[in-house]
Protein backbone atom coordinates (compact mmCIF):
# COMPACT_ATOMS: atom_id res chain seq x y z
CA UNK A 1 -48.04 61.03 -19.24
CA UNK A 2 -48.97 63.22 -22.40
CA UNK A 3 -51.71 61.69 -24.30
CA UNK A 4 -49.74 60.52 -27.43
CA UNK A 5 -47.24 58.88 -24.89
CA UNK A 6 -49.94 56.86 -23.19
CA UNK A 7 -51.37 55.97 -26.48
CA UNK A 8 -47.92 54.33 -27.78
CA UNK A 9 -47.56 52.38 -24.67
CA UNK A 10 -51.43 51.00 -24.59
CA UNK A 11 -51.74 49.91 -27.91
CA UNK A 12 -53.67 50.79 -31.05
CA UNK A 13 -52.33 49.25 -33.74
CA UNK A 14 -50.56 46.26 -34.65
CA UNK A 15 -46.70 45.36 -35.33
CA UNK A 16 -44.02 47.17 -37.04
CA UNK A 17 -45.11 48.29 -40.78
CA UNK A 18 -43.20 49.68 -43.35
CA UNK A 19 -43.70 53.58 -44.55
CA UNK A 20 -43.13 55.11 -47.43
CA UNK A 21 -40.10 57.13 -46.19
CA UNK A 22 -38.50 53.70 -45.69
CA UNK A 23 -38.32 53.96 -41.96
CA UNK A 24 -40.42 51.72 -40.35
CA UNK A 25 -43.68 52.60 -38.24
CA UNK A 26 -44.27 50.90 -34.74
CA UNK A 27 -47.83 51.74 -34.34
CA UNK A 28 -49.92 54.53 -36.16
CA UNK A 29 -48.21 58.09 -36.04
CA UNK A 30 -45.02 56.45 -34.39
CA UNK A 31 -41.80 55.94 -36.55
CA UNK A 32 -38.96 53.64 -35.61
CA UNK A 33 -36.04 56.10 -36.36
CA UNK A 34 -33.10 54.37 -35.10
CA UNK A 35 -31.17 52.11 -32.59
CA UNK A 36 -29.94 53.84 -29.30
CA UNK A 37 -28.08 50.86 -27.73
CA UNK A 38 -28.08 47.47 -26.77
CA UNK A 39 -28.75 45.78 -23.25
CA UNK A 40 -28.39 42.50 -21.51
CA UNK A 41 -31.56 41.52 -23.05
CA UNK A 42 -32.17 43.42 -26.09
CA UNK A 43 -32.26 46.59 -28.18
CA UNK A 44 -33.55 50.18 -27.44
CA UNK A 45 -34.92 52.10 -30.55
CA UNK A 46 -36.01 55.70 -30.88
CA UNK A 47 -39.42 56.20 -31.84
CA UNK A 48 -40.70 59.44 -33.32
CA UNK A 49 -44.05 60.78 -33.43
CA UNK A 50 -44.55 61.92 -37.10
CA UNK A 51 -47.42 64.75 -36.16
CA UNK A 52 -45.76 66.35 -32.75
CA UNK A 53 -42.20 65.46 -33.06
CA UNK A 54 -42.47 63.65 -29.77
CA UNK A 55 -39.45 61.14 -29.02
CA UNK A 56 -39.91 58.01 -26.73
CA UNK A 57 -37.21 55.73 -26.19
CA UNK A 58 -38.33 51.80 -26.42
CA UNK A 59 -36.65 49.02 -24.81
CA UNK A 60 -37.41 45.56 -26.39
CA UNK A 61 -36.89 42.29 -24.52
CA UNK A 62 -37.21 39.05 -26.48
CA UNK A 63 -38.53 36.55 -23.90
CA UNK A 64 -38.32 33.64 -26.04
CA UNK A 65 -34.62 34.39 -26.26
CA UNK A 66 -34.29 35.45 -22.73
CA UNK A 67 -36.69 33.51 -20.57
CA UNK A 68 -34.94 34.26 -17.47
CA UNK A 69 -35.43 38.14 -18.26
CA UNK A 70 -39.18 37.97 -17.67
CA UNK A 71 -39.04 38.07 -13.83
CA UNK A 72 -36.70 40.98 -13.91
CA UNK A 73 -38.82 42.91 -16.45
CA UNK A 74 -41.94 42.59 -14.26
CA UNK A 75 -39.57 43.78 -11.16
CA UNK A 76 -38.24 46.65 -13.35
CA UNK A 77 -41.53 47.62 -14.43
CA UNK A 78 -43.51 47.60 -11.06
CA UNK A 79 -40.24 49.97 -9.64
CA UNK A 80 -40.43 52.52 -12.33
CA UNK A 81 -44.40 53.20 -12.00
CA UNK A 82 -43.84 54.56 -8.41
CA UNK A 83 -40.89 56.66 -9.36
CA UNK A 84 -41.68 60.64 -10.52
CA UNK A 85 -38.56 62.50 -9.88
CA UNK A 86 -36.85 65.36 -12.08
CA UNK A 87 -33.61 63.18 -12.18
CA UNK A 88 -34.97 59.74 -13.11
CA UNK A 89 -35.86 58.82 -16.65
CA UNK A 90 -39.49 58.57 -17.15
CA UNK A 91 -41.66 55.77 -17.38
CA UNK A 92 -44.57 55.68 -19.74
CA UNK A 93 -45.69 52.14 -19.97
CA UNK A 94 -45.42 48.72 -21.35
CA UNK A 95 -46.91 46.60 -24.22
CA UNK A 96 -46.51 43.03 -24.81
CA UNK A 97 -46.97 41.91 -28.52
CA UNK A 98 -46.21 37.90 -28.80
CA UNK A 99 -43.04 37.24 -27.00
CA UNK A 100 -41.70 40.60 -27.17
CA UNK A 101 -41.83 43.24 -24.12
CA UNK A 102 -42.18 46.86 -25.01
CA UNK A 103 -40.80 49.18 -22.35
CA UNK A 104 -41.73 53.05 -23.09
CA UNK A 105 -39.36 55.53 -21.60
CA UNK A 106 -38.18 59.30 -21.59
CA UNK A 107 -35.57 59.43 -24.44
CA UNK A 108 -32.54 61.50 -22.82
CA UNK A 109 -31.30 63.25 -26.05
CA UNK A 110 -27.77 64.29 -24.43
CA UNK A 111 -26.47 60.70 -24.39
CA UNK A 112 -24.76 58.90 -21.27
CA UNK A 113 -22.42 60.74 -19.01
CA UNK A 114 -19.94 58.15 -19.74
CA UNK A 115 -19.60 60.09 -22.76
CA UNK A 116 -18.79 63.11 -21.32
CA UNK A 117 -15.83 62.26 -19.31
CA UNK A 118 -12.58 62.54 -21.25
CA UNK A 119 -10.19 59.87 -20.70
CA UNK A 120 -7.72 60.56 -18.02
CA UNK A 121 -8.32 64.01 -17.83
CA UNK A 122 -12.46 63.83 -16.86
CA UNK A 123 -14.25 66.93 -16.84
CA UNK A 124 -13.99 70.61 -15.39
CA UNK A 125 -14.87 70.96 -11.51
CA UNK A 126 -17.90 72.73 -11.50
CA UNK A 127 -19.91 70.69 -14.23
CA UNK A 128 -19.22 67.53 -12.22
CA UNK A 129 -20.42 68.99 -9.17
CA UNK A 130 -23.40 70.00 -11.00
CA UNK A 131 -24.40 66.23 -12.20
CA UNK A 132 -23.11 64.99 -8.99
CA UNK A 133 -25.67 67.22 -6.93
CA UNK A 134 -28.18 65.87 -9.39
CA UNK A 135 -27.24 62.41 -8.92
CA UNK A 136 -27.91 62.40 -5.22
CA UNK A 137 -31.15 64.40 -5.77
CA UNK A 138 -32.27 61.33 -7.62
CA UNK A 139 -30.43 58.83 -5.34
CA UNK A 140 -32.24 60.83 -2.40
CA UNK A 141 -35.90 60.13 -3.80
CA UNK A 142 -35.44 56.98 -4.74
CA UNK A 143 -33.97 55.84 -0.91
CA UNK A 144 -36.77 57.41 0.11
CA UNK A 145 -39.36 55.43 -2.08
CA UNK A 146 -37.57 52.23 -0.54
CA UNK A 147 -35.80 51.80 -3.80
CA UNK A 148 -31.75 50.64 -3.86
CA UNK A 149 -30.62 50.99 -7.87
CA UNK A 150 -27.62 48.58 -6.93
CA UNK A 151 -25.89 49.58 -10.58
CA UNK A 152 -25.32 53.29 -10.56
CA UNK A 153 -22.67 54.31 -13.22
CA UNK A 154 -21.87 56.98 -15.67
CA UNK A 155 -23.43 54.35 -18.66
CA UNK A 156 -26.69 54.44 -16.33
CA UNK A 157 -26.68 58.27 -15.89
CA UNK A 158 -28.27 59.81 -19.14
CA UNK A 159 -28.68 63.54 -20.05
CA UNK A 160 -31.52 65.19 -21.28
CA UNK A 161 -31.62 68.18 -23.83
CA UNK A 162 -30.84 70.55 -21.12
CA UNK A 163 -28.02 68.66 -19.78
CA UNK A 164 -30.14 67.58 -16.45
CA UNK A 165 -28.88 63.82 -14.82
CA UNK A 166 -31.76 61.04 -15.39
CA UNK A 167 -30.82 58.07 -13.36
CA UNK A 168 -31.81 54.80 -15.72
CA UNK A 169 -31.57 51.31 -16.03
CA UNK A 170 -33.66 49.78 -12.88
CA UNK A 171 -33.02 45.94 -14.09
CA UNK A 172 -30.98 45.24 -10.94
CA UNK A 173 -33.13 47.62 -8.63
CA UNK A 174 -34.81 46.75 -5.48
CA UNK A 175 -37.10 47.22 -2.90
CA UNK A 176 -35.12 47.31 0.29
CA UNK A 177 -37.88 49.19 2.58
CA UNK A 178 -41.33 48.28 2.93
CA UNK A 179 -44.02 49.94 5.33
CA UNK A 180 -41.02 51.25 7.27
CA UNK A 181 -39.11 48.01 7.68
CA UNK A 182 -35.80 48.12 6.44
CA UNK A 183 -34.29 44.28 5.06
CA UNK A 184 -30.55 43.91 4.47
CA UNK A 185 -29.71 42.81 0.88
CA UNK A 186 -27.71 39.84 -0.14
CA UNK A 187 -27.57 39.50 -4.06
CA UNK A 188 -24.00 40.52 -5.49
CA UNK A 189 -24.72 42.92 -8.24
CA UNK A 190 -23.62 45.60 -9.92
CA UNK A 191 -20.57 47.04 -11.74
CA UNK A 192 -17.22 45.65 -10.18
CA UNK A 193 -15.24 49.04 -10.18
CA UNK A 194 -18.47 51.09 -8.69
CA UNK A 195 -19.94 48.15 -6.19
CA UNK A 196 -19.27 48.80 -2.38
CA UNK A 197 -16.89 46.24 -1.08
CA UNK A 198 -19.62 44.77 1.27
CA UNK A 199 -21.22 43.97 -1.40
CA UNK A 200 -18.87 41.14 -2.37
CA UNK A 201 -18.54 39.50 0.81
CA UNK A 202 -21.93 39.80 3.22
CA UNK A 203 -25.52 40.71 3.31
CA UNK A 204 -25.37 44.43 3.32
CA UNK A 205 -27.56 47.68 3.58
CA UNK A 206 -28.97 49.20 0.45
CA UNK A 207 -28.39 52.99 1.10
CA UNK A 208 -24.34 53.27 1.94
CA UNK A 209 -23.74 50.75 -1.04
CA UNK A 210 -25.58 53.00 -3.52
CA UNK A 211 -23.49 56.04 -1.82
CA UNK A 212 -20.21 54.06 -2.25
CA UNK A 213 -21.28 54.00 -6.01
CA UNK A 214 -21.81 57.80 -6.32
CA UNK A 215 -18.24 58.25 -4.67
CA UNK A 216 -16.75 56.49 -7.53
CA UNK A 217 -18.59 58.22 -10.15
CA UNK A 218 -17.20 61.33 -8.51
CA UNK A 219 -13.65 60.00 -9.27
CA UNK A 220 -14.24 59.21 -12.51
CA UNK A 221 -16.01 62.51 -13.68
CA UNK A 222 -13.08 64.17 -12.13
CA UNK A 223 -9.94 62.13 -12.95
CA UNK A 224 -11.16 60.41 -16.06
CA UNK A 225 -10.30 56.87 -14.85
CA UNK A 226 -11.41 54.65 -12.36
CA UNK A 227 -9.41 54.06 -8.97
CA UNK A 228 -9.08 50.20 -9.20
CA UNK A 229 -11.11 47.02 -10.77
CA UNK A 230 -12.69 46.25 -7.77
CA UNK A 231 -12.72 47.00 -3.70
CA UNK A 232 -11.59 43.85 -2.90
CA UNK A 233 -8.31 42.51 -0.77
CA UNK A 234 -6.87 41.20 -3.88
CA UNK A 235 -6.53 44.40 -5.40
CA UNK A 236 -3.57 46.69 -4.46
CA UNK A 237 -4.76 49.85 -5.82
CA UNK A 238 -7.79 49.38 -3.48
CA UNK A 239 -5.21 48.30 -0.73
CA UNK A 240 -3.39 51.35 -0.95
CA UNK A 241 -6.69 53.85 -0.67
CA UNK A 242 -8.20 51.48 2.36
CA UNK A 243 -4.40 51.85 4.08
CA UNK A 244 -3.85 55.92 3.42
CA UNK A 245 -0.70 55.05 1.20
CA UNK A 246 -2.60 56.82 -2.05
CA UNK A 247 -1.14 60.44 -2.18
CA UNK A 248 1.09 60.40 -4.53
CA UNK A 249 -0.96 57.47 -6.86
CA UNK A 250 -3.33 58.31 -9.74
CA UNK A 251 -6.22 59.12 -9.58
CA UNK A 252 -6.18 60.50 -6.10
CA UNK A 253 -3.08 62.99 -7.12
CA UNK A 254 -5.43 64.78 -10.06
CA UNK A 255 -8.01 65.73 -7.05
CA UNK A 256 -7.83 68.76 -4.89
CA UNK A 257 -7.52 68.30 -0.99
CA UNK A 258 -11.35 69.55 -0.53
CA UNK A 259 -12.38 66.65 -3.12
CA UNK A 260 -10.10 63.89 -1.28
CA UNK A 261 -11.72 64.88 2.05
CA UNK A 262 -15.23 64.27 0.47
CA UNK A 263 -13.88 60.75 -0.87
CA UNK A 264 -12.32 59.95 2.40
CA UNK A 265 -15.70 60.09 3.82
CA UNK A 266 -17.65 58.03 1.36
CA UNK A 267 -15.21 55.56 -0.08
CA UNK A 268 -15.10 54.27 3.40
CA UNK A 269 -14.98 50.06 3.86
CA UNK A 270 -17.00 50.08 6.75
CA UNK A 271 -20.69 50.66 5.62
CA UNK A 272 -21.37 51.89 9.25
CA UNK A 273 -19.01 54.79 9.32
CA UNK A 274 -19.93 56.02 5.35
CA UNK A 275 -21.31 59.44 5.24
CA UNK A 276 -25.04 59.50 4.97
CA UNK A 277 -26.72 60.78 2.06
CA UNK A 278 -28.18 64.10 3.82
CA UNK A 279 -24.72 64.71 5.67
CA UNK A 280 -23.14 64.34 2.15
CA UNK A 281 -25.36 66.87 0.70
CA UNK A 282 -24.72 69.18 3.21
CA UNK A 283 -20.67 68.73 2.89
CA UNK A 284 -18.66 72.02 1.91
CA UNK A 285 -17.80 70.31 -1.78
CA UNK A 286 -21.32 70.41 -2.66
CA UNK A 287 -22.01 73.78 -1.30
CA UNK A 288 -19.01 75.58 -2.36
CA UNK A 289 -19.84 77.63 -5.62
CA UNK A 290 -16.91 76.51 -8.10
CA UNK A 291 -15.93 78.56 -10.91
CA UNK A 292 -13.94 77.57 -14.03
CA UNK A 293 -10.19 78.81 -14.21
CA UNK A 294 -11.04 79.58 -17.64
CA UNK A 295 -13.57 79.72 -20.46
CA UNK A 296 -15.78 76.40 -21.23
CA UNK A 297 -18.96 76.09 -22.92
CA UNK A 298 -20.79 72.85 -24.01
CA UNK A 299 -22.74 72.12 -27.21
CA UNK A 300 -24.82 69.14 -28.54
CA UNK A 301 -25.75 69.59 -32.14
CA UNK A 302 -28.44 67.04 -33.50
CA UNK A 303 -27.77 65.68 -36.47
CA UNK A 304 -29.13 62.21 -37.89
CA UNK A 305 -25.99 60.42 -38.64
CA UNK A 306 -22.24 60.36 -37.97
CA UNK A 307 -20.81 62.13 -40.61
CA UNK A 308 -16.79 62.10 -40.50
CA UNK A 309 -16.66 65.43 -42.35
CA UNK A 310 -18.27 67.19 -39.92
CA UNK A 311 -16.67 65.34 -37.20
CA UNK A 312 -13.19 66.47 -38.54
CA UNK A 313 -14.33 70.24 -38.80
CA UNK A 314 -15.11 70.43 -35.50
CA UNK A 315 -11.81 68.76 -34.52
CA UNK A 316 -9.93 71.23 -36.38
CA UNK A 317 -11.71 74.02 -34.66
CA UNK A 318 -9.30 73.15 -31.63
CA UNK A 319 -12.23 72.19 -29.27
CA UNK A 320 -11.53 70.25 -26.37
CA UNK A 321 -14.01 67.63 -26.98
CA UNK A 322 -16.15 66.13 -29.67
CA UNK A 323 -18.02 62.95 -29.60
CA UNK A 324 -21.03 61.56 -31.51
CA UNK A 325 -23.75 59.69 -29.66
CA UNK A 326 -26.97 58.73 -30.76
CA UNK A 327 -28.04 61.17 -33.36
CA UNK A 328 -25.90 64.26 -32.32
CA UNK A 329 -22.10 66.03 -31.68
CA UNK A 330 -21.62 67.04 -28.14
CA UNK A 331 -18.53 69.40 -28.50
CA UNK A 332 -16.92 70.70 -25.07
CA UNK A 333 -14.68 74.44 -25.62
CA UNK A 334 -12.15 74.98 -22.82
CA UNK A 335 -9.61 77.65 -22.95
CA UNK A 336 -7.13 77.90 -19.89
CA UNK A 337 -6.53 81.43 -18.92
CA UNK A 338 -3.27 82.79 -19.75
């Protein structure tokens, strides 16, 4: 951990102070720049070191407003402390000030993976493959450390300035293996369209449940839509998939044969028959070098506010996708070969 990031997590100053610039100073040398987002228990702010320009994300949890969050925060911090991987969002430290818990995390300048998925379209196959393989690498690391994420979805996958996946939000994570002994999980948690069917009905194994969520993320990246609201007997779309009656329906009709062959081995109702992570990473789909059938380029322009004049200019350039996300514009250019 960098010394300046250590300093902000360990203290060195009181609360939030006004500065001459009109921005606010959290501790000496660190300025509260903007709000990045809002979670179940509070906001996530961007902190910038005025001297070095370093950026850190700060999660704020008000325990007075959310007393039920205390144990959840402690568990989240304990888990993140043991994690160190290039596809896991870095944890820098925690501070307590009155009733407020401050958690300091790596700032992912590229925003959420969710914002890179064009509704009803998705994204090009090579881009989705790269993100998916990085997701699998991060999940593999979590599972080797005995950690189950339990809420994998595009909104919890962030991208850094180099467009690399960073798994984030460990609020629902838990330890499923200690000293070589694995336990079944029984808490029903996660986001319904992404949860595995066994999570809704019985105690379940951690690793197959996380891998099911990865499969749903892949569908969403390639098709730009979710396959169902939840994987239960009351959901017609899920039953069509389970009973192999899906071939002409969306989103499956948008996917090629090799992708479908992979998903048929991930999205298996029986977790004991689901592809294991090592076999998944060895699957032909993950190993094939896909090529674009046209020209595709992604760019991220850093800008301090959403200016609609800039937004409209970029739109008029007939770019494939333009979105604004937390201080910058993400632009994708894609031109089909004639």
